All heavy atoms as atom14 arrays in JSON, in Angstrom:
{
  "sequence": "EGGQKCLLGDKTAKDLGVLRVGLEVNQLGESSRPFTKISGV",
  "atom14_mask": [
    [1, 1, 1, 1, 1, 1, 1, 1, 1, 0, 0, 0, 0, 0],
    [1, 1, 1, 1, 0, 0, 0, 0, 0, 0, 0, 0, 0, 0],
    [1, 1, 1, 1, 0, 0, 0, 0, 0, 0, 0, 0, 0, 0],
    [1, 1, 1, 1, 1, 1, 1, 1, 1, 0, 0, 0, 0, 0],
    [1, 1, 1, 1, 1, 1, 1, 1, 1, 0, 0, 0, 0, 0],
    [1, 1, 1, 1, 1, 1, 0, 0, 0, 0, 0, 0, 0, 0],
    [1, 1, 1, 1, 1, 1, 1, 1, 0, 0, 0, 0, 0, 0],
    [1, 1, 1, 1, 1, 1, 1, 1, 0, 0, 0, 0, 0, 0],
    [1, 1, 1, 1, 0, 0, 0, 0, 0, 0, 0, 0, 0, 0],
    [1, 1, 1, 1, 1, 1, 1, 1, 0, 0, 0, 0, 0, 0],
    [1, 1, 1, 1, 1, 1, 1, 1, 1, 0, 0, 0, 0, 0],
    [1, 1, 1, 1, 1, 1, 1, 0, 0, 0, 0, 0, 0, 0],
    [1, 1, 1, 1, 1, 0, 0, 0, 0, 0, 0, 0, 0, 0],
    [1, 1, 1, 1, 1, 1, 1, 1, 1, 0, 0, 0, 0, 0],
    [1, 1, 1, 1, 1, 1, 1, 1, 0, 0, 0, 0, 0, 0],
    [1, 1, 1, 1, 1, 1, 1, 1, 0, 0, 0, 0, 0, 0],
    [1, 1, 1, 1, 0, 0, 0, 0, 0, 0, 0, 0, 0, 0],
    [1, 1, 1, 1, 1, 1, 1, 0, 0, 0, 0, 0, 0, 0],
    [1, 1, 1, 1, 1, 1, 1, 1, 0, 0, 0, 0, 0, 0],
    [1, 1, 1, 1, 1, 1, 1, 1, 1, 1, 1, 0, 0, 0],
    [1, 1, 1, 1, 1, 1, 1, 0, 0, 0, 0, 0, 0, 0],
    [1, 1, 1, 1, 0, 0, 0, 0, 0, 0, 0, 0, 0, 0],
    [1, 1, 1, 1, 1, 1, 1, 1, 0, 0, 0, 0, 0, 0],
    [1, 1, 1, 1, 1, 1, 1, 1, 1, 0, 0, 0, 0, 0],
    [1, 1, 1, 1, 1, 1, 1, 0, 0, 0, 0, 0, 0, 0],
    [1, 1, 1, 1, 1, 1, 1, 1, 0, 0, 0, 0, 0, 0],
    [1, 1, 1, 1, 1, 1, 1, 1, 1, 0, 0, 0, 0, 0],
    [1, 1, 1, 1, 1, 1, 1, 1, 0, 0, 0, 0, 0, 0],
    [1, 1, 1, 1, 0, 0, 0, 0, 0, 0, 0, 0, 0, 0],
    [1, 1, 1, 1, 1, 1, 1, 1, 1, 0, 0, 0, 0, 0],
    [1, 1, 1, 1, 1, 1, 0, 0, 0, 0, 0, 0, 0, 0],
    [1, 1, 1, 1, 1, 1, 0, 0, 0, 0, 0, 0, 0, 0],
    [1, 1, 1, 1, 1, 1, 1, 1, 1, 1, 1, 0, 0, 0],
    [1, 1, 1, 1, 1, 1, 1, 0, 0, 0, 0, 0, 0, 0],
    [1, 1, 1, 1, 1, 1, 1, 1, 1, 1, 1, 0, 0, 0],
    [1, 1, 1, 1, 1, 1, 1, 0, 0, 0, 0, 0, 0, 0],
    [1, 1, 1, 1, 1, 1, 1, 1, 1, 0, 0, 0, 0, 0],
    [1, 1, 1, 1, 1, 1, 1, 1, 0, 0, 0, 0, 0, 0],
    [1, 1, 1, 1, 1, 1, 0, 0, 0, 0, 0, 0, 0, 0],
    [1, 1, 1, 1, 0, 0, 0, 0, 0, 0, 0, 0, 0, 0],
    [1, 1, 1, 1, 1, 1, 1, 0, 0, 0, 0, 0, 0, 0]
  ],
  "atom14_positions": [
    [[20.22, -8.71, 9.51], [21.45, -8.18, 8.94], [21.57, -8.62, 7.48], [21.42, -9.79, 7.16], [22.65, -8.69, 9.74], [23.97, -8.06, 9.33], [25.1, -8.54, 10.21], [25.31, -7.96, 11.3], [25.78, -9.52, 9.83], [0.0, 0.0, 0.0], [0.0, 0.0, 0.0], [0.0, 0.0, 0.0], [0.0, 0.0, 0.0], [0.0, 0.0, 0.0]],
    [[21.87, -7.67, 6.62], [21.97, -8.0, 5.2], [20.6, -8.19, 4.59], [19.61, -7.62, 5.03], [0.0, 0.0, 0.0], [0.0, 0.0, 0.0], [0.0, 0.0, 0.0], [0.0, 0.0, 0.0], [0.0, 0.0, 0.0], [0.0, 0.0, 0.0], [0.0, 0.0, 0.0], [0.0, 0.0, 0.0], [0.0, 0.0, 0.0], [0.0, 0.0, 0.0]],
    [[20.53, -9.02, 3.6], [19.26, -9.26, 2.91], [19.08, -8.32, 1.74], [19.42, -7.14, 1.82], [0.0, 0.0, 0.0], [0.0, 0.0, 0.0], [0.0, 0.0, 0.0], [0.0, 0.0, 0.0], [0.0, 0.0, 0.0], [0.0, 0.0, 0.0], [0.0, 0.0, 0.0], [0.0, 0.0, 0.0], [0.0, 0.0, 0.0], [0.0, 0.0, 0.0]],
    [[18.57, -8.86, 0.64], [18.39, -8.07, -0.58], [16.98, -7.53, -0.72], [16.78, -6.47, -1.3], [18.74, -8.91, -1.8], [20.19, -9.37, -1.83], [20.48, -10.23, -3.05], [19.58, -10.68, -3.73], [21.76, -10.45, -3.32], [0.0, 0.0, 0.0], [0.0, 0.0, 0.0], [0.0, 0.0, 0.0], [0.0, 0.0, 0.0], [0.0, 0.0, 0.0]],
    [[15.99, -8.24, -0.19], [14.6, -7.81, -0.32], [13.9, -7.93, 1.03], [14.26, -8.77, 1.86], [13.86, -8.65, -1.36], [14.4, -8.53, -2.78], [13.56, -9.32, -3.75], [14.15, -9.28, -5.16], [14.19, -7.92, -5.7], [0.0, 0.0, 0.0], [0.0, 0.0, 0.0], [0.0, 0.0, 0.0], [0.0, 0.0, 0.0], [0.0, 0.0, 0.0]],
    [[12.89, -7.08, 1.23], [12.06, -7.17, 2.41], [10.94, -8.17, 2.14], [10.28, -8.1, 1.1], [11.48, -5.81, 2.77], [12.74, -4.56, 3.15], [0.0, 0.0, 0.0], [0.0, 0.0, 0.0], [0.0, 0.0, 0.0], [0.0, 0.0, 0.0], [0.0, 0.0, 0.0], [0.0, 0.0, 0.0], [0.0, 0.0, 0.0], [0.0, 0.0, 0.0]],
    [[10.73, -9.11, 3.04], [9.78, -10.2, 2.82], [8.51, -10.0, 3.64], [8.57, -9.67, 4.83], [10.41, -11.54, 3.2], [11.69, -11.96, 2.47], [12.1, -13.36, 2.9], [11.51, -11.88, 0.97], [0.0, 0.0, 0.0], [0.0, 0.0, 0.0], [0.0, 0.0, 0.0], [0.0, 0.0, 0.0], [0.0, 0.0, 0.0], [0.0, 0.0, 0.0]],
    [[7.37, -10.2, 2.99], [6.08, -10.22, 3.66], [5.73, -11.68, 3.89], [5.51, -12.43, 2.94], [5.03, -9.53, 2.79], [3.66, -9.31, 3.42], [3.76, -8.37, 4.61], [2.67, -8.77, 2.39], [0.0, 0.0, 0.0], [0.0, 0.0, 0.0], [0.0, 0.0, 0.0], [0.0, 0.0, 0.0], [0.0, 0.0, 0.0], [0.0, 0.0, 0.0]],
    [[5.71, -12.09, 5.16], [5.55, -13.49, 5.49], [4.15, -14.03, 5.25], [3.2, -13.29, 4.94], [0.0, 0.0, 0.0], [0.0, 0.0, 0.0], [0.0, 0.0, 0.0], [0.0, 0.0, 0.0], [0.0, 0.0, 0.0], [0.0, 0.0, 0.0], [0.0, 0.0, 0.0], [0.0, 0.0, 0.0], [0.0, 0.0, 0.0], [0.0, 0.0, 0.0]],
    [[4.02, -15.34, 5.43], [2.8, -16.07, 5.11], [1.59, -15.52, 5.86], [0.57, -15.19, 5.25], [3.02, -17.56, 5.45], [1.79, -18.4, 5.18], [1.54, -18.7, 4.01], [1.08, -18.75, 6.14], [0.0, 0.0, 0.0], [0.0, 0.0, 0.0], [0.0, 0.0, 0.0], [0.0, 0.0, 0.0], [0.0, 0.0, 0.0], [0.0, 0.0, 0.0]],
    [[1.67, -15.39, 7.19], [0.5, -15.01, 7.99], [0.02, -13.6, 7.66], [-1.17, -13.36, 7.42], [0.82, -15.11, 9.47], [-0.37, -14.77, 10.37], [-0.01, -14.88, 11.84], [-1.25, -14.63, 12.71], [-1.91, -13.33, 12.42], [0.0, 0.0, 0.0], [0.0, 0.0, 0.0], [0.0, 0.0, 0.0], [0.0, 0.0, 0.0], [0.0, 0.0, 0.0]],
    [[0.95, -12.64, 7.61], [0.55, -11.26, 7.35], [0.02, -11.1, 5.93], [-0.94, -10.36, 5.69], [1.75, -10.31, 7.56], [2.26, -10.5, 8.89], [1.33, -8.86, 7.4], [0.0, 0.0, 0.0], [0.0, 0.0, 0.0], [0.0, 0.0, 0.0], [0.0, 0.0, 0.0], [0.0, 0.0, 0.0], [0.0, 0.0, 0.0], [0.0, 0.0, 0.0]],
    [[0.61, -11.82, 4.98], [0.14, -11.76, 3.6], [-1.3, -12.26, 3.5], [-2.12, -11.7, 2.76], [1.06, -12.56, 2.69], [0.0, 0.0, 0.0], [0.0, 0.0, 0.0], [0.0, 0.0, 0.0], [0.0, 0.0, 0.0], [0.0, 0.0, 0.0], [0.0, 0.0, 0.0], [0.0, 0.0, 0.0], [0.0, 0.0, 0.0], [0.0, 0.0, 0.0]],
    [[-1.62, -13.31, 4.25], [-2.99, -13.82, 4.26], [-3.94, -12.86, 4.96], [-5.08, -12.64, 4.53], [-3.03, -15.2, 4.92], [-2.37, -16.3, 4.11], [-2.36, -17.62, 4.86], [-1.68, -18.72, 4.03], [-1.53, -19.97, 4.79], [0.0, 0.0, 0.0], [0.0, 0.0, 0.0], [0.0, 0.0, 0.0], [0.0, 0.0, 0.0], [0.0, 0.0, 0.0]],
    [[-3.47, -12.26, 6.07], [-4.31, -11.3, 6.8], [-4.66, -10.1, 5.91], [-5.76, -9.53, 6.02], [-3.59, -10.81, 8.05], [-3.46, -11.91, 9.12], [-4.2, -12.91, 9.01], [-2.61, -11.76, 10.02], [0.0, 0.0, 0.0], [0.0, 0.0, 0.0], [0.0, 0.0, 0.0], [0.0, 0.0, 0.0], [0.0, 0.0, 0.0], [0.0, 0.0, 0.0]],
    [[-3.73, -9.71, 5.05], [-3.95, -8.57, 4.17], [-4.7, -8.94, 2.89], [-5.06, -8.08, 2.1], [-2.61, -7.94, 3.79], [-1.89, -7.18, 4.91], [-0.45, -6.86, 4.5], [-2.64, -5.89, 5.25], [0.0, 0.0, 0.0], [0.0, 0.0, 0.0], [0.0, 0.0, 0.0], [0.0, 0.0, 0.0], [0.0, 0.0, 0.0], [0.0, 0.0, 0.0]],
    [[-4.89, -10.24, 2.68], [-5.62, -10.69, 1.5], [-4.81, -10.73, 0.22], [-5.38, -10.89, -0.86], [0.0, 0.0, 0.0], [0.0, 0.0, 0.0], [0.0, 0.0, 0.0], [0.0, 0.0, 0.0], [0.0, 0.0, 0.0], [0.0, 0.0, 0.0], [0.0, 0.0, 0.0], [0.0, 0.0, 0.0], [0.0, 0.0, 0.0], [0.0, 0.0, 0.0]],
    [[-3.48, -10.58, 0.32], [-2.66, -10.61, -0.89], [-2.16, -12.02, -1.2], [-1.61, -12.27, -2.28], [-1.45, -9.66, -0.77], [-1.92, -8.24, -0.61], [-0.54, -10.05, 0.39], [0.0, 0.0, 0.0], [0.0, 0.0, 0.0], [0.0, 0.0, 0.0], [0.0, 0.0, 0.0], [0.0, 0.0, 0.0], [0.0, 0.0, 0.0], [0.0, 0.0, 0.0]],
    [[-2.37, -12.95, -0.27], [-2.02, -14.35, -0.49], [-3.24, -15.18, -0.17], [-3.76, -15.12, 0.95], [-0.84, -14.76, 0.39], [-0.39, -16.23, 0.3], [0.11, -16.54, -1.1], [0.7, -16.52, 1.32], [0.0, 0.0, 0.0], [0.0, 0.0, 0.0], [0.0, 0.0, 0.0], [0.0, 0.0, 0.0], [0.0, 0.0, 0.0], [0.0, 0.0, 0.0]],
    [[-3.71, -15.93, -1.15], [-4.9, -16.74, -0.97], [-4.57, -18.2, -1.21], [-3.82, -18.54, -2.12], [-6.0, -16.29, -1.92], [-6.43, -14.84, -1.7], [-7.41, -14.39, -2.75], [-8.65, -15.17, -2.69], [-9.6, -15.07, -3.61], [-9.44, -14.29, -4.66], [-10.69, -15.78, -3.5], [0.0, 0.0, 0.0], [0.0, 0.0, 0.0], [0.0, 0.0, 0.0]],
    [[-5.17, -19.06, -0.39], [-4.98, -20.5, -0.52], [-6.36, -21.14, -0.61], [-7.23, -20.85, 0.2], [-4.2, -21.07, 0.68], [-4.07, -22.58, 0.54], [-2.83, -20.42, 0.79], [0.0, 0.0, 0.0], [0.0, 0.0, 0.0], [0.0, 0.0, 0.0], [0.0, 0.0, 0.0], [0.0, 0.0, 0.0], [0.0, 0.0, 0.0], [0.0, 0.0, 0.0]],
    [[-6.55, -22.0, -1.6], [-7.84, -22.66, -1.74], [-8.17, -22.92, -3.2], [-7.44, -22.51, -4.1], [0.0, 0.0, 0.0], [0.0, 0.0, 0.0], [0.0, 0.0, 0.0], [0.0, 0.0, 0.0], [0.0, 0.0, 0.0], [0.0, 0.0, 0.0], [0.0, 0.0, 0.0], [0.0, 0.0, 0.0], [0.0, 0.0, 0.0], [0.0, 0.0, 0.0]],
    [[-9.28, -23.58, -3.44], [-9.65, -23.95, -4.8], [-9.95, -22.74, -5.67], [-9.77, -22.77, -6.87], [-10.88, -24.87, -4.77], [-10.68, -26.24, -4.11], [-11.98, -27.0, -4.07], [-9.62, -27.04, -4.85], [0.0, 0.0, 0.0], [0.0, 0.0, 0.0], [0.0, 0.0, 0.0], [0.0, 0.0, 0.0], [0.0, 0.0, 0.0], [0.0, 0.0, 0.0]],
    [[-10.38, -21.62, -5.03], [-10.77, -20.47, -5.83], [-9.59, -19.83, -6.54], [-9.77, -19.08, -7.5], [-11.47, -19.42, -4.96], [-10.56, -18.72, -3.95], [-10.4, -19.51, -2.67], [-10.91, -20.63, -2.6], [-9.77, -18.99, -1.73], [0.0, 0.0, 0.0], [0.0, 0.0, 0.0], [0.0, 0.0, 0.0], [0.0, 0.0, 0.0], [0.0, 0.0, 0.0]],
    [[-8.35, -20.1, -6.1], [-7.2, -19.49, -6.77], [-7.01, -20.05, -8.17], [-6.29, -19.47, -8.97], [-5.9, -19.69, -5.95], [-6.02, -19.05, -4.6], [-5.55, -21.16, -5.81], [0.0, 0.0, 0.0], [0.0, 0.0, 0.0], [0.0, 0.0, 0.0], [0.0, 0.0, 0.0], [0.0, 0.0, 0.0], [0.0, 0.0, 0.0], [0.0, 0.0, 0.0]],
    [[-7.64, -21.18, -8.46], [-7.53, -21.74, -9.8], [-8.59, -21.19, -10.76], [-8.73, -21.67, -11.86], [-7.66, -23.27, -9.73], [-6.51, -23.9, -9.0], [-5.39, -23.45, -9.14], [-6.79, -24.92, -8.2], [0.0, 0.0, 0.0], [0.0, 0.0, 0.0], [0.0, 0.0, 0.0], [0.0, 0.0, 0.0], [0.0, 0.0, 0.0], [0.0, 0.0, 0.0]],
    [[-9.35, -20.19, -10.31], [-10.43, -19.66, -11.11], [-10.17, -18.22, -11.51], [-11.07, -17.4, -11.57], [-11.75, -19.77, -10.34], [-12.09, -21.21, -9.97], [-13.33, -21.28, -9.09], [-13.95, -20.29, -8.8], [-13.67, -22.49, -8.67], [0.0, 0.0, 0.0], [0.0, 0.0, 0.0], [0.0, 0.0, 0.0], [0.0, 0.0, 0.0], [0.0, 0.0, 0.0]],
    [[-8.92, -17.89, -11.77], [-8.55, -16.53, -12.12], [-8.82, -16.22, -13.58], [-8.75, -15.07, -13.99], [-7.05, -16.31, -11.83], [-6.65, -16.44, -10.36], [-5.16, -16.25, -10.21], [-7.4, -15.43, -9.49], [0.0, 0.0, 0.0], [0.0, 0.0, 0.0], [0.0, 0.0, 0.0], [0.0, 0.0, 0.0], [0.0, 0.0, 0.0], [0.0, 0.0, 0.0]],
    [[-9.09, -17.22, -14.41], [-9.43, -16.98, -15.8], [-8.22, -16.74, -16.69], [-8.36, -16.31, -17.82], [0.0, 0.0, 0.0], [0.0, 0.0, 0.0], [0.0, 0.0, 0.0], [0.0, 0.0, 0.0], [0.0, 0.0, 0.0], [0.0, 0.0, 0.0], [0.0, 0.0, 0.0], [0.0, 0.0, 0.0], [0.0, 0.0, 0.0], [0.0, 0.0, 0.0]],
    [[-7.03, -17.0, -16.2], [-5.83, -16.75, -16.99], [-5.83, -17.58, -18.27], [-5.42, -17.12, -19.32], [-4.58, -17.06, -16.15], [-3.27, -16.85, -16.86], [-2.97, -15.41, -17.14], [-3.46, -14.55, -16.39], [-2.26, -15.12, -18.11], [0.0, 0.0, 0.0], [0.0, 0.0, 0.0], [0.0, 0.0, 0.0], [0.0, 0.0, 0.0], [0.0, 0.0, 0.0]],
    [[-6.29, -18.84, -18.16], [-6.22, -19.73, -19.32], [-7.21, -19.33, -20.42], [-7.12, -19.82, -21.52], [-6.48, -21.17, -18.88], [-7.78, -21.29, -18.33], [0.0, 0.0, 0.0], [0.0, 0.0, 0.0], [0.0, 0.0, 0.0], [0.0, 0.0, 0.0], [0.0, 0.0, 0.0], [0.0, 0.0, 0.0], [0.0, 0.0, 0.0], [0.0, 0.0, 0.0]],
    [[-8.18, -18.45, -20.1], [-9.16, -18.06, -21.11], [-8.72, -16.82, -21.87], [-9.41, -16.39, -22.79], [-10.52, -17.81, -20.44], [-10.44, -16.73, -19.53], [0.0, 0.0, 0.0], [0.0, 0.0, 0.0], [0.0, 0.0, 0.0], [0.0, 0.0, 0.0], [0.0, 0.0, 0.0], [0.0, 0.0, 0.0], [0.0, 0.0, 0.0], [0.0, 0.0, 0.0]],
    [[-7.62, -16.22, -21.49], [-7.15, -15.03, -22.19], [-6.36, -15.43, -23.44], [-5.69, -16.45, -23.45], [-6.25, -14.2, -21.27], [-6.96, -13.69, -20.01], [-5.98, -12.96, -19.13], [-6.59, -12.57, -17.86], [-5.92, -12.04, -16.85], [-4.63, -11.81, -16.97], [-6.54, -11.72, -15.74], [0.0, 0.0, 0.0], [0.0, 0.0, 0.0], [0.0, 0.0, 0.0]],
    [[-6.41, -14.61, -24.49], [-5.61, -14.91, -25.68], [-4.13, -14.98, -25.33], [-3.62, -14.14, -24.59], [-5.91, -13.73, -26.6], [-7.25, -13.24, -26.16], [-7.29, -13.46, -24.67], [0.0, 0.0, 0.0], [0.0, 0.0, 0.0], [0.0, 0.0, 0.0], [0.0, 0.0, 0.0], [0.0, 0.0, 0.0], [0.0, 0.0, 0.0], [0.0, 0.0, 0.0]],
    [[-3.46, -15.99, -25.84], [-2.04, -16.18, -25.55], [-1.23, -15.16, -26.34], [-1.58, -14.8, -27.46], [-1.63, -17.61, -25.91], [-0.25, -17.96, -25.46], [0.12, -17.89, -24.14], [0.71, -18.38, -26.38], [1.39, -18.22, -23.72], [1.99, -18.71, -25.98], [2.32, -18.63, -24.65], [0.0, 0.0, 0.0], [0.0, 0.0, 0.0], [0.0, 0.0, 0.0]],
    [[-0.15, -14.68, -25.74], [0.67, -13.66, -26.39], [1.3, -14.21, -27.67], [1.47, -15.42, -27.84], [1.8, -13.2, -25.45], [2.58, -14.35, -25.06], [1.24, -12.53, -24.23], [0.0, 0.0, 0.0], [0.0, 0.0, 0.0], [0.0, 0.0, 0.0], [0.0, 0.0, 0.0], [0.0, 0.0, 0.0], [0.0, 0.0, 0.0], [0.0, 0.0, 0.0]],
    [[1.61, -13.3, -28.58], [2.32, -13.69, -29.79], [3.32, -12.6, -30.15], [3.16, -11.43, -29.79], [1.35, -13.93, -30.95], [0.5, -12.73, -31.33], [-0.48, -13.11, -32.42], [-1.41, -11.95, -32.78], [-2.42, -12.33, -33.77], [0.0, 0.0, 0.0], [0.0, 0.0, 0.0], [0.0, 0.0, 0.0], [0.0, 0.0, 0.0], [0.0, 0.0, 0.0]],
    [[4.37, -13.01, -30.86], [5.42, -12.07, -31.25], [4.9, -11.2, -32.38], [4.52, -11.72, -33.45], [6.7, -12.82, -31.66], [7.22, -13.65, -30.48], [7.78, -11.84, -32.12], [8.41, -14.51, -30.81], [0.0, 0.0, 0.0], [0.0, 0.0, 0.0], [0.0, 0.0, 0.0], [0.0, 0.0, 0.0], [0.0, 0.0, 0.0], [0.0, 0.0, 0.0]],
    [[4.87, -9.92, -32.16], [4.3, -8.99, -33.13], [5.15, -8.95, -34.41], [6.37, -8.9, -34.36], [4.21, -7.59, -32.51], [3.71, -6.66, -33.44], [0.0, 0.0, 0.0], [0.0, 0.0, 0.0], [0.0, 0.0, 0.0], [0.0, 0.0, 0.0], [0.0, 0.0, 0.0], [0.0, 0.0, 0.0], [0.0, 0.0, 0.0], [0.0, 0.0, 0.0]],
    [[4.46, -8.96, -35.54], [5.12, -8.78, -36.82], [5.84, -10.0, -37.35], [6.56, -9.91, -38.35], [0.0, 0.0, 0.0], [0.0, 0.0, 0.0], [0.0, 0.0, 0.0], [0.0, 0.0, 0.0], [0.0, 0.0, 0.0], [0.0, 0.0, 0.0], [0.0, 0.0, 0.0], [0.0, 0.0, 0.0], [0.0, 0.0, 0.0], [0.0, 0.0, 0.0]],
    [[5.67, -11.16, -36.72], [6.36, -12.38, -37.16], [5.32, -13.43, -37.53], [4.42, -13.73, -36.74], [7.29, -12.93, -36.07], [7.92, -14.24, -36.52], [8.37, -11.91, -35.73], [0.0, 0.0, 0.0], [0.0, 0.0, 0.0], [0.0, 0.0, 0.0], [0.0, 0.0, 0.0], [0.0, 0.0, 0.0], [0.0, 0.0, 0.0], [0.0, 0.0, 0.0]]
  ]
}
């Protein structure tokens, strides 16, 4: 009853592969991308 958003729980999210747990999640390469900057400033 009520609720603002529909939630995909832990088990199903892992079964679908959209939630990963482990050391490999730290190897996404985000830190190697150029950091954003404010254009024109």
